[in-house]
């Protein structure tokens, strides 16, 4: 899978980031919250990212 950075919240590799794949999907890097109280299937996960990251991606016209 080819992955391209669309938007990130810093210049390091350990920050919340939105990626585009060559499958026309998005990958999201962020914190894994544990205190959500939701029932998530074993094959899925939740990722928490700052709202500002989505706003930046929209503002930069990458999503």
C-alpha atoms as a PDB file:
ATOM      1  CA  UNK A   1       0.000   0.000   0.000  1.00  0.00           C
ATOM      2  CA  UNK A   2       1.330   3.439  -0.925  1.00  0.00           C
ATOM      3  CA  UNK A   3       0.685   6.080   1.761  1.00  0.00           C
ATOM      4  CA  UNK A   4       0.922   9.872   1.385  1.00  0.00           C
ATOM      5  CA  UNK A   5       0.737  12.432   4.203  1.00  0.00           C
ATOM      6  CA  UNK A   6      -2.205  14.801   3.729  1.00  0.00           C
ATOM      7  CA  UNK A   7      -2.099  16.743   6.993  1.00  0.00           C
ATOM      8  CA  UNK A   8      -0.178  16.536  10.252  1.00  0.00           C
ATOM      9  CA  UNK A   9      -0.075  18.500  13.458  1.00  0.00           C
ATOM     10  CA  UNK A  10       3.759  18.679  13.629  1.00  0.00           C
ATOM     11  CA  UNK A  11       6.994  17.878  11.790  1.00  0.00           C
ATOM     12  CA  UNK A  12       7.769  14.708  13.792  1.00  0.00           C
ATOM     13  CA  UNK A  13       6.515  11.209  12.961  1.00  0.00           C
ATOM     14  CA  UNK A  14       4.726  10.710  16.280  1.00  0.00           C
ATOM     15  CA  UNK A  15       1.957  13.297  15.866  1.00  0.00           C
ATOM     16  CA  UNK A  16      -1.678  12.999  14.795  1.00  0.00           C
ATOM     17  CA  UNK A  17      -1.640  12.649  11.008  1.00  0.00           C
ATOM     18  CA  UNK A  18      -4.063  11.994   8.145  1.00  0.00           C
ATOM     19  CA  UNK A  19      -2.773   9.851   5.273  1.00  0.00           C
ATOM     20  CA  UNK A  20      -4.237   8.987   1.853  1.00  0.00           C
ATOM     21  CA  UNK A  21      -3.657   5.520   0.428  1.00  0.00           C
ATOM     22  CA  UNK A  22      -3.491   4.295  -3.145  1.00  0.00           C
ATOM     23  CA  UNK A  23      -6.741   2.434  -2.352  1.00  0.00           C
ATOM     24  CA  UNK A  24      -8.650   5.747  -2.135  1.00  0.00           C
ATOM     25  CA  UNK A  25      -8.932   5.404   1.637  1.00  0.00           C
ATOM     26  CA  UNK A  26      -7.674   7.443   4.578  1.00  0.00           C
ATOM     27  CA  UNK A  27      -5.482   6.309   7.457  1.00  0.00           C
ATOM     28  CA  UNK A  28      -5.558   8.289  10.694  1.00  0.00           C
ATOM     29  CA  UNK A  29      -2.751   8.333  13.248  1.00  0.00           C
ATOM     30  CA  UNK A  30      -3.617   9.486  16.748  1.00  0.00           C
ATOM     31  CA  UNK A  31      -4.084   8.489  20.362  1.00  0.00           C
ATOM     32  CA  UNK A  32      -6.021   5.334  21.241  1.00  0.00           C
ATOM     33  CA  UNK A  33      -8.574   6.396  23.853  1.00  0.00           C
ATOM     34  CA  UNK A  34      -9.538   3.941  26.582  1.00  0.00           C
ATOM     35  CA  UNK A  35     -12.244   5.858  28.448  1.00  0.00           C
ATOM     36  CA  UNK A  36     -14.927   6.053  25.723  1.00  0.00           C
ATOM     37  CA  UNK A  37     -17.357   3.443  27.076  1.00  0.00           C
ATOM     38  CA  UNK A  38     -18.254   2.212  23.573  1.00  0.00           C
ATOM     39  CA  UNK A  39     -18.553  -1.395  22.375  1.00  0.00           C
ATOM     40  CA  UNK A  40     -16.049  -1.661  19.507  1.00  0.00           C
ATOM     41  CA  UNK A  41     -15.692  -4.926  17.538  1.00  0.00           C
ATOM     42  CA  UNK A  42     -12.342  -6.700  17.986  1.00  0.00           C
ATOM     43  CA  UNK A  43     -11.371  -6.036  14.338  1.00  0.00           C
ATOM     44  CA  UNK A  44     -11.867  -2.247  14.699  1.00  0.00           C
ATOM     45  CA  UNK A  45     -10.335   0.502  16.824  1.00  0.00           C
ATOM     46  CA  UNK A  46     -10.954   4.121  17.727  1.00  0.00           C
ATOM     47  CA  UNK A  47      -8.401   6.859  17.107  1.00  0.00           C
ATOM     48  CA  UNK A  48      -8.633  10.299  18.680  1.00  0.00           C
ATOM     49  CA  UNK A  49      -7.251  13.246  16.714  1.00  0.00           C
ATOM     50  CA  UNK A  50      -7.447  16.988  17.303  1.00  0.00           C
ATOM     51  CA  UNK A  51     -10.317  18.770  15.560  1.00  0.00           C
ATOM     52  CA  UNK A  52      -7.727  21.290  14.349  1.00  0.00           C
ATOM     53  CA  UNK A  53      -6.104  18.539  12.253  1.00  0.00           C
ATOM     54  CA  UNK A  54      -9.309  17.975  10.271  1.00  0.00           C
ATOM     55  CA  UNK A  55      -9.799  21.721   9.939  1.00  0.00           C
ATOM     56  CA  UNK A  56      -6.239  22.041   8.592  1.00  0.00           C
ATOM     57  CA  UNK A  57      -6.830  19.236   6.055  1.00  0.00           C
ATOM     58  CA  UNK A  58     -10.037  20.922   4.861  1.00  0.00           C
ATOM     59  CA  UNK A  59      -8.415  24.359   4.793  1.00  0.00           C
ATOM     60  CA  UNK A  60      -5.458  22.967   2.794  1.00  0.00           C
ATOM     61  CA  UNK A  61      -7.991  21.332   0.430  1.00  0.00           C
ATOM     62  CA  UNK A  62      -6.486  17.852   0.770  1.00  0.00           C
ATOM     63  CA  UNK A  63      -9.708  16.044   1.790  1.00  0.00           C
END
